[in-house]
Amino acid sequence: TMAGKKVENARQRKITRLLSGSEDEANIQVNIQNMLTSILTEIKDLRKDNEEFRKETKKDIADLKEEIKGFDNKIEEKCNNLENKMSTLDKTIAEKVNEMEKKIRFLEETEERRQKRERRNNIIIKRQNLISEKDEDLNAKVSEILTKIQYEDSYTKISYIGKDKADRDLVRVELKSLKDKITIMRNKSKLAGSDCYIDDDLTVNEREIQSNLRKIAREE
């Protein structure tokens, strides 16, 4: 009948719709599954990349530490080398200074001995107004002083060398022999009470020693 056909057609359309809906749902499920699989794959890849990155980073850090350590070692080595060079230089300078000081002492001692030899027979006369414009007056005054202490022999040379702190004139007398000097030094006490003095012709070093000894004696 017509009514039966209509009912059958309606049922067939309903079944078709249901089947079509099931296919869409299945497709959705497949798509979702594919998306989940893709996401999981990406996460796995990210984890793998992250692990590789961490390993590479650790290696880079370790390499950098080694480079820094090597750099520090080089700096320390250079510092040690510089310290050794400075120490060697200081030692070399100290040795050279010590050597120079020895040479200077040797020269000073040699000069001191030379001056002592030159002054061995000399005396220094100290008195006010020994000097005038005429050398003959100085010779006469020196001869007069030496005569007072009973020395009448001649001398080699006289020369004016300046004034002392008491403003007395200083005259160096070069005698012919040590014997003459000994005679004069023994008799110089005859000038006691006068403003005239006779001393050895001392070197600079000897004068400093004598001055220090006099200072110590005054303090005592």
C-alpha atoms as a PDB file:
ATOM      1  CA  THR A   1       0.000   0.000   0.000  1.00  0.00           C
ATOM      2  CA  MET A   2       0.971   3.621  -0.331  1.00  0.00           C
ATOM      3  CA  ALA A   3       1.015   4.116   3.399  1.00  0.00           C
ATOM      4  CA  GLY A   4       3.310   1.152   3.902  1.00  0.00           C
ATOM      5  CA  LYS A   5       5.767   2.435   1.278  1.00  0.00           C
ATOM      6  CA  LYS A   6       5.927   5.849   2.941  1.00  0.00           C
ATOM      7  CA  VAL A   7       6.716   4.286   6.308  1.00  0.00           C
ATOM      8  CA  GLU A   8       9.441   2.131   4.753  1.00  0.00           C
ATOM      9  CA  ASN A   9      10.995   5.078   2.989  1.00  0.00           C
ATOM     10  CA  ALA A  10      11.024   7.087   6.176  1.00  0.00           C
ATOM     11  CA  ARG A  11      12.727   4.229   8.025  1.00  0.00           C
ATOM     12  CA  GLN A  12      15.386   3.924   5.303  1.00  0.00           C
ATOM     13  CA  ARG A  13      16.145   7.649   5.485  1.00  0.00           C
ATOM     14  CA  LYS A  14      16.484   7.439   9.251  1.00  0.00           C
ATOM     15  CA  ILE A  15      18.885   4.504   8.998  1.00  0.00           C
ATOM     16  CA  THR A  16      20.921   6.385   6.389  1.00  0.00           C
ATOM     17  CA  ARG A  17      21.122   9.428   8.685  1.00  0.00           C
ATOM     18  CA  LEU A  18      22.215   7.271  11.582  1.00  0.00           C
ATOM     19  CA  LEU A  19      24.883   5.578   9.501  1.00  0.00           C
ATOM     20  CA  SER A  20      26.072   8.921   8.212  1.00  0.00           C
ATOM     21  CA  GLY A  21      26.263  10.278  11.782  1.00  0.00           C
ATOM     22  CA  SER A  22      28.270   7.283  12.908  1.00  0.00           C
ATOM     23  CA  GLU A  23      30.763   7.815  10.095  1.00  0.00           C
ATOM     24  CA  ASP A  24      31.216  11.504  11.056  1.00  0.00           C
ATOM     25  CA  GLU A  25      31.744  10.575  14.703  1.00  0.00           C
ATOM     26  CA  ALA A  26      34.247   7.946  13.695  1.00  0.00           C
ATOM     27  CA  ASN A  27      36.072  10.479  11.550  1.00  0.00           C
ATOM     28  CA  ILE A  28      36.130  12.939  14.458  1.00  0.00           C
ATOM     29  CA  GLN A  29      37.539  10.270  16.737  1.00  0.00           C
ATOM     30  CA  VAL A  30      40.200   9.426  14.165  1.00  0.00           C
ATOM     31  CA  ASN A  31      41.086  13.095  13.773  1.00  0.00           C
ATOM     32  CA  ILE A  32      41.296  13.536  17.518  1.00  0.00           C
ATOM     33  CA  GLN A  33      43.443  10.444  17.786  1.00  0.00           C
ATOM     34  CA  ASN A  34      45.724  11.731  15.038  1.00  0.00           C
ATOM     35  CA  MET A  35      46.004  15.121  16.750  1.00  0.00           C
ATOM     36  CA  LEU A  36      46.841  13.473  20.084  1.00  0.00           C
ATOM     37  CA  THR A  37      49.432  11.302  18.373  1.00  0.00           C
ATOM     38  CA  SER A  38      50.922  14.364  16.680  1.00  0.00           C
ATOM     39  CA  ILE A  39      51.005  16.306  19.938  1.00  0.00           C
ATOM     40  CA  LEU A  40      52.616  13.408  21.772  1.00  0.00           C
ATOM     41  CA  THR A  41      55.161  13.096  18.981  1.00  0.00           C
ATOM     42  CA  GLU A  42      55.940  16.818  19.191  1.00  0.00           C
ATOM     43  CA  ILE A  43      56.258  16.578  22.985  1.00  0.00           C
ATOM     44  CA  LYS A  44      58.572  13.596  22.596  1.00  0.00           C
ATOM     45  CA  ASP A  45      60.637  15.468  20.026  1.00  0.00           C
ATOM     46  CA  LEU A  46      60.756  18.518  22.278  1.00  0.00           C
ATOM     47  CA  ARG A  47      61.894  16.387  25.182  1.00  0.00           C
ATOM     48  CA  LYS A  48      64.534  14.809  22.984  1.00  0.00           C
ATOM     49  CA  ASP A  49      65.684  18.201  21.695  1.00  0.00           C
ATOM     50  CA  ASN A  50      65.705  19.538  25.243  1.00  0.00           C
ATOM     51  CA  GLU A  51      67.779  16.602  26.439  1.00  0.00           C
ATOM     52  CA  GLU A  52      70.237  17.071  23.583  1.00  0.00           C
ATOM     53  CA  PHE A  53      70.350  20.798  24.303  1.00  0.00           C
ATOM     54  CA  ARG A  54      71.040  20.140  27.987  1.00  0.00           C
ATOM     55  CA  LYS A  55      73.810  17.695  27.073  1.00  0.00           C
ATOM     56  CA  GLU A  56      75.352  20.172  24.607  1.00  0.00           C
ATOM     57  CA  THR A  57      75.005  22.986  27.125  1.00  0.00           C
ATOM     58  CA  LYS A  58      76.657  20.907  29.842  1.00  0.00           C
ATOM     59  CA  LYS A  59      79.485  20.083  27.441  1.00  0.00           C
ATOM     60  CA  ASP A  60      79.850  23.737  26.461  1.00  0.00           C
ATOM     61  CA  ILE A  61      79.935  24.748  30.132  1.00  0.00           C
ATOM     62  CA  ALA A  62      82.516  22.066  30.884  1.00  0.00           C
ATOM     63  CA  ASP A  63      84.610  23.169  27.900  1.00  0.00           C
ATOM     64  CA  LEU A  64      84.303  26.796  28.999  1.00  0.00           C
ATOM     65  CA  LYS A  65      85.379  25.852  32.529  1.00  0.00           C
ATOM     66  CA  GLU A  66      88.409  24.052  31.109  1.00  0.00           C
ATOM     67  CA  GLU A  67      89.255  27.072  28.971  1.00  0.00           C
ATOM     68  CA  ILE A  68      88.908  29.368  31.976  1.00  0.00           C
ATOM     69  CA  LYS A  69      91.011  26.976  34.053  1.00  0.00           C
ATOM     70  CA  GLY A  70      93.625  26.878  31.325  1.00  0.00           C
ATOM     71  CA  PHE A  71      93.506  30.660  31.076  1.00  0.00           C
ATOM     72  CA  ASP A  72      93.871  30.975  34.849  1.00  0.00           C
ATOM     73  CA  ASN A  73      96.810  28.571  34.744  1.00  0.00           C
ATOM     74  CA  LYS A  74      98.428  30.633  32.008  1.00  0.00           C
ATOM     75  CA  ILE A  75      97.910  33.823  34.003  1.00  0.00           C
ATOM     76  CA  GLU A  76      99.301  32.164  37.132  1.00  0.00           C
ATOM     77  CA  GLU A  77     102.262  30.876  35.126  1.00  0.00           C
ATOM     78  CA  LYS A  78     102.915  34.333  33.691  1.00  0.00           C
ATOM     79  CA  CYS A  79     102.640  35.882  37.155  1.00  0.00           C
ATOM     80  CA  ASN A  80     105.073  33.318  38.522  1.00  0.00           C
ATOM     81  CA  ASN A  81     107.438  33.988  35.634  1.00  0.00           C
ATOM     82  CA  LEU A  82     107.250  37.729  36.293  1.00  0.00           C
ATOM     83  CA  GLU A  83     107.853  37.197  40.012  1.00  0.00           C
ATOM     84  CA  ASN A  84     110.836  34.983  39.230  1.00  0.00           C
ATOM     85  CA  LYS A  85     112.200  37.580  36.806  1.00  0.00           C
ATOM     86  CA  MET A  86     111.721  40.345  39.406  1.00  0.00           C
ATOM     87  CA  SER A  87     113.377  38.209  42.058  1.00  0.00           C
ATOM     88  CA  THR A  88     116.278  37.482  39.719  1.00  0.00           C
ATOM     89  CA  LEU A  89     116.503  41.160  38.786  1.00  0.00           C
ATOM     90  CA  ASP A  90     116.461  42.219  42.454  1.00  0.00           C
ATOM     91  CA  LYS A  91     119.185  39.691  43.201  1.00  0.00           C
ATOM     92  CA  THR A  92     121.240  40.869  40.231  1.00  0.00           C
ATOM     93  CA  ILE A  93     120.828  44.519  41.232  1.00  0.00           C
ATOM     94  CA  ALA A  94     121.701  43.720  44.847  1.00  0.00           C
ATOM     95  CA  GLU A  95     124.830  41.867  43.707  1.00  0.00           C
ATOM     96  CA  LYS A  96     125.834  44.755  41.435  1.00  0.00           C
ATOM     97  CA  VAL A  97     125.180  47.311  44.179  1.00  0.00           C
ATOM     98  CA  ASN A  98     127.222  45.216  46.607  1.00  0.00           C
ATOM     99  CA  GLU A  99     130.008  44.959  44.035  1.00  0.00           C
ATOM    100  CA  MET A 100     129.901  48.719  43.418  1.00  0.00           C
ATOM    101  CA  GLU A 101     129.962  49.405  47.165  1.00  0.00           C
ATOM    102  CA  LYS A 102     133.038  47.200  47.491  1.00  0.00           C
ATOM    103  CA  LYS A 103     134.727  49.077  44.645  1.00  0.00           C
ATOM    104  CA  ILE A 104     133.807  52.420  46.216  1.00  0.00           C
ATOM    105  CA  ARG A 105     135.175  51.297  49.596  1.00  0.00           C
ATOM    106  CA  PHE A 106     138.338  50.093  47.903  1.00  0.00           C
ATOM    107  CA  LEU A 107     138.752  53.428  46.084  1.00  0.00           C
ATOM    108  CA  GLU A 108     138.009  55.369  49.266  1.00  0.00           C
ATOM    109  CA  GLU A 109     140.524  53.324  51.223  1.00  0.00           C
ATOM    110  CA  THR A 110     143.072  53.694  48.434  1.00  0.00           C
ATOM    111  CA  GLU A 111     142.515  57.449  48.360  1.00  0.00           C
ATOM    112  CA  GLU A 112     142.699  57.600  52.146  1.00  0.00           C
ATOM    113  CA  ARG A 113     146.059  55.805  52.103  1.00  0.00           C
ATOM    114  CA  ARG A 114     147.314  58.082  49.332  1.00  0.00           C
ATOM    115  CA  GLN A 115     146.317  61.195  51.254  1.00  0.00           C
ATOM    116  CA  LYS A 116     147.919  59.850  54.414  1.00  0.00           C
ATOM    117  CA  ARG A 117     151.166  59.273  52.530  1.00  0.00           C
ATOM    118  CA  GLU A 118     151.040  62.781  51.087  1.00  0.00           C
ATOM    119  CA  ARG A 119     150.254  64.344  54.468  1.00  0.00           C
ATOM    120  CA  ARG A 120     152.638  62.138  56.419  1.00  0.00           C
ATOM    121  CA  ASN A 121     155.237  64.882  56.817  1.00  0.00           C
ATOM    122  CA  ASN A 122     152.779  67.809  56.958  1.00  0.00           C
ATOM    123  CA  ILE A 123     151.586  69.978  59.811  1.00  0.00           C
ATOM    124  CA  ILE A 124     148.775  72.553  60.050  1.00  0.00           C
ATOM    125  CA  ILE A 125     149.421  75.871  61.758  1.00  0.00           C
ATOM    126  CA  LYS A 126     146.356  77.757  63.072  1.00  0.00           C
ATOM    127  CA  ARG A 127     146.546  81.432  64.086  1.00  0.00           C
ATOM    128  CA  GLN A 128     144.827  84.734  63.611  1.00  0.00           C
ATOM    129  CA  ASN A 129     146.232  87.126  61.020  1.00  0.00           C
ATOM    130  CA  LEU A 130     148.677  84.749  59.388  1.00  0.00           C
ATOM    131  CA  ILE A 131     147.693  85.885  55.908  1.00  0.00           C
ATOM    132  CA  SER A 132     148.608  89.150  54.250  1.00  0.00           C
ATOM    133  CA  GLU A 133     148.942  90.269  50.655  1.00  0.00           C
ATOM    134  CA  LYS A 134     152.605  89.256  50.546  1.00  0.00           C
ATOM    135  CA  ASP A 135     153.757  85.640  50.557  1.00  0.00           C
ATOM    136  CA  GLU A 136     157.021  86.776  52.123  1.00  0.00           C
ATOM    137  CA  ASP A 137     155.081  87.837  55.223  1.00  0.00           C
ATOM    138  CA  LEU A 138     153.487  84.376  55.498  1.00  0.00           C
ATOM    139  CA  ASN A 139     156.878  82.679  55.200  1.00  0.00           C
ATOM    140  CA  ALA A 140     158.301  84.988  57.826  1.00  0.00           C
ATOM    141  CA  LYS A 141     155.387  84.372  60.214  1.00  0.00           C
ATOM    142  CA  VAL A 142     155.649  80.593  59.806  1.00  0.00           C
ATOM    143  CA  SER A 143     159.414  80.692  60.363  1.00  0.00           C
ATOM    144  CA  GLU A 144     158.866  82.824  63.461  1.00  0.00           C
ATOM    145  CA  ILE A 145     156.377  80.295  64.889  1.00  0.00           C
ATOM    146  CA  LEU A 146     158.656  77.340  64.196  1.00  0.00           C
ATOM    147  CA  THR A 147     161.614  79.146  65.761  1.00  0.00           C
ATOM    148  CA  LYS A 148     159.586  79.534  69.003  1.00  0.00           C
ATOM    149  CA  ILE A 149     159.388  75.742  69.286  1.00  0.00           C
ATOM    150  CA  GLN A 150     163.097  75.370  68.507  1.00  0.00           C
ATOM    151  CA  TYR A 151     162.780  74.254  64.913  1.00  0.00           C
ATOM    152  CA  GLU A 152     165.028  76.213  62.614  1.00  0.00           C
ATOM    153  CA  ASP A 153     165.424  73.861  59.642  1.00  0.00           C
ATOM    154  CA  SER A 154     163.798  74.683  56.329  1.00  0.00           C
ATOM    155  CA  TYR A 155     160.562  73.200  55.003  1.00  0.00           C
ATOM    156  CA  THR A 156     159.494  72.183  51.509  1.00  0.00           C
ATOM    157  CA  LYS A 157     156.361  74.256  50.985  1.00  0.00           C
ATOM    158  CA  ILE A 158     153.675  76.280  52.716  1.00  0.00           C
ATOM    159  CA  SER A 159     150.127  76.918  51.471  1.00  0.00           C
ATOM    160  CA  TYR A 160     147.068  78.717  52.796  1.00  0.00           C
ATOM    161  CA  ILE A 161     144.039  76.389  53.001  1.00  0.00           C
ATOM    162  CA  GLY A 162     141.340  78.572  54.572  1.00  0.00           C
ATOM    163  CA  LYS A 163     139.893  79.364  58.002  1.00  0.00           C
ATOM    164  CA  ASP A 164     138.569  77.226  60.836  1.00  0.00           C
ATOM    165  CA  LYS A 165     135.342  77.743  62.817  1.00  0.00           C
ATOM    166  CA  ALA A 166     137.152  80.143  65.161  1.00  0.00           C
ATOM    167  CA  ASP A 167     138.097  82.298  62.149  1.00  0.00           C
ATOM    168  CA  ARG A 168     141.779  81.375  62.487  1.00  0.00           C
ATOM    169  CA  ASP A 169     143.910  81.152  59.346  1.00  0.00           C
ATOM    170  CA  LEU A 170     145.005  77.648  58.396  1.00  0.00           C
ATOM    171  CA  VAL A 171     148.389  77.077  56.781  1.00  0.00           C
ATOM    172  CA  ARG A 172     149.749  73.738  55.657  1.00  0.00           C
ATOM    173  CA  VAL A 173     153.499  73.269  56.081  1.00  0.00           C
ATOM    174  CA  GLU A 174     155.134  70.460  54.122  1.00  0.00           C
ATOM    175  CA  LEU A 175     158.271  69.317  55.944  1.00  0.00           C
ATOM    176  CA  LYS A 176     161.225  67.444  54.507  1.00  0.00           C
ATOM    177  CA  SER A 177     160.953  64.347  56.686  1.00  0.00           C
ATOM    178  CA  LEU A 178     158.870  62.578  59.299  1.00  0.00           C
ATOM    179  CA  LYS A 179     161.709  63.191  61.749  1.00  0.00           C
ATOM    180  CA  ASP A 180     161.212  66.962  61.379  1.00  0.00           C
ATOM    181  CA  LYS A 181     157.473  66.536  61.981  1.00  0.00           C
ATOM    182  CA  ILE A 182     158.066  64.473  65.139  1.00  0.00           C
ATOM    183  CA  THR A 183     160.386  67.173  66.445  1.00  0.00           C
ATOM    184  CA  ILE A 184     157.803  69.907  65.878  1.00  0.00           C
ATOM    185  CA  MET A 185     154.933  67.880  67.381  1.00  0.00           C
ATOM    186  CA  ARG A 186     157.039  67.206  70.513  1.00  0.00           C
ATOM    187  CA  ASN A 187     157.830  70.886  70.960  1.00  0.00           C
ATOM    188  CA  LYS A 188     154.433  72.428  70.033  1.00  0.00           C
ATOM    189  CA  SER A 189     153.515  72.605  73.735  1.00  0.00           C
ATOM    190  CA  LYS A 190     155.882  75.607  73.920  1.00  0.00           C
ATOM    191  CA  LEU A 191     153.096  77.579  72.192  1.00  0.00           C
ATOM    192  CA  ALA A 192     150.742  77.049  75.142  1.00  0.00           C
ATOM    193  CA  GLY A 193     149.009  80.260  76.180  1.00  0.00           C
ATOM    194  CA  SER A 194     149.193  81.788  72.723  1.00  0.00           C
ATOM    195  CA  ASP A 195     146.508  81.820  70.044  1.00  0.00           C
ATOM    196  CA  CYS A 196     148.613  79.549  67.858  1.00  0.00           C
ATOM    197  CA  TYR A 197     148.172  75.830  67.388  1.00  0.00           C
ATOM    198  CA  ILE A 198     149.966  73.090  65.462  1.00  0.00           C
ATOM    199  CA  ASP A 199     148.145  69.906  64.427  1.00  0.00           C
ATOM    200  CA  ASP A 200     148.635  66.931  62.168  1.00  0.00           C
ATOM    201  CA  ASP A 201     147.531  67.388  58.571  1.00  0.00           C
ATOM    202  CA  LEU A 202     144.595  64.984  58.802  1.00  0.00           C
ATOM    203  CA  THR A 203     142.496  63.566  55.994  1.00  0.00           C
ATOM    204  CA  VAL A 204     138.758  64.361  55.872  1.00  0.00           C
ATOM    205  CA  ASN A 205     137.947  60.966  57.386  1.00  0.00           C
ATOM    206  CA  GLU A 206     140.478  61.440  60.177  1.00  0.00           C
ATOM    207  CA  ARG A 207     139.088  64.910  60.940  1.00  0.00           C
ATOM    208  CA  GLU A 208     135.568  63.490  61.215  1.00  0.00           C
ATOM    209  CA  ILE A 209     136.771  60.780  63.593  1.00  0.00           C
ATOM    210  CA  GLN A 210     138.652  63.329  65.689  1.00  0.00           C
ATOM    211  CA  SER A 211     135.591  65.622  65.789  1.00  0.00           C
ATOM    212  CA  ASN A 212     133.352  62.752  66.933  1.00  0.00           C
ATOM    213  CA  LEU A 213     135.829  61.760  69.635  1.00  0.00           C
ATOM    214  CA  ARG A 214     135.958  65.340  70.933  1.00  0.00           C
ATOM    215  CA  LYS A 215     132.146  65.499  70.949  1.00  0.00           C
ATOM    216  CA  ILE A 216     131.944  62.259  72.961  1.00  0.00           C
ATOM    217  CA  ALA A 217     134.558  63.550  75.397  1.00  0.00           C
ATOM    218  CA  ARG A 218     132.601  66.788  75.957  1.00  0.00           C
ATOM    219  CA  GLU A 219     129.365  64.872  76.576  1.00  0.00           C
ATOM    220  CA  GLU A 220     131.078  62.660  79.161  1.00  0.00           C
END
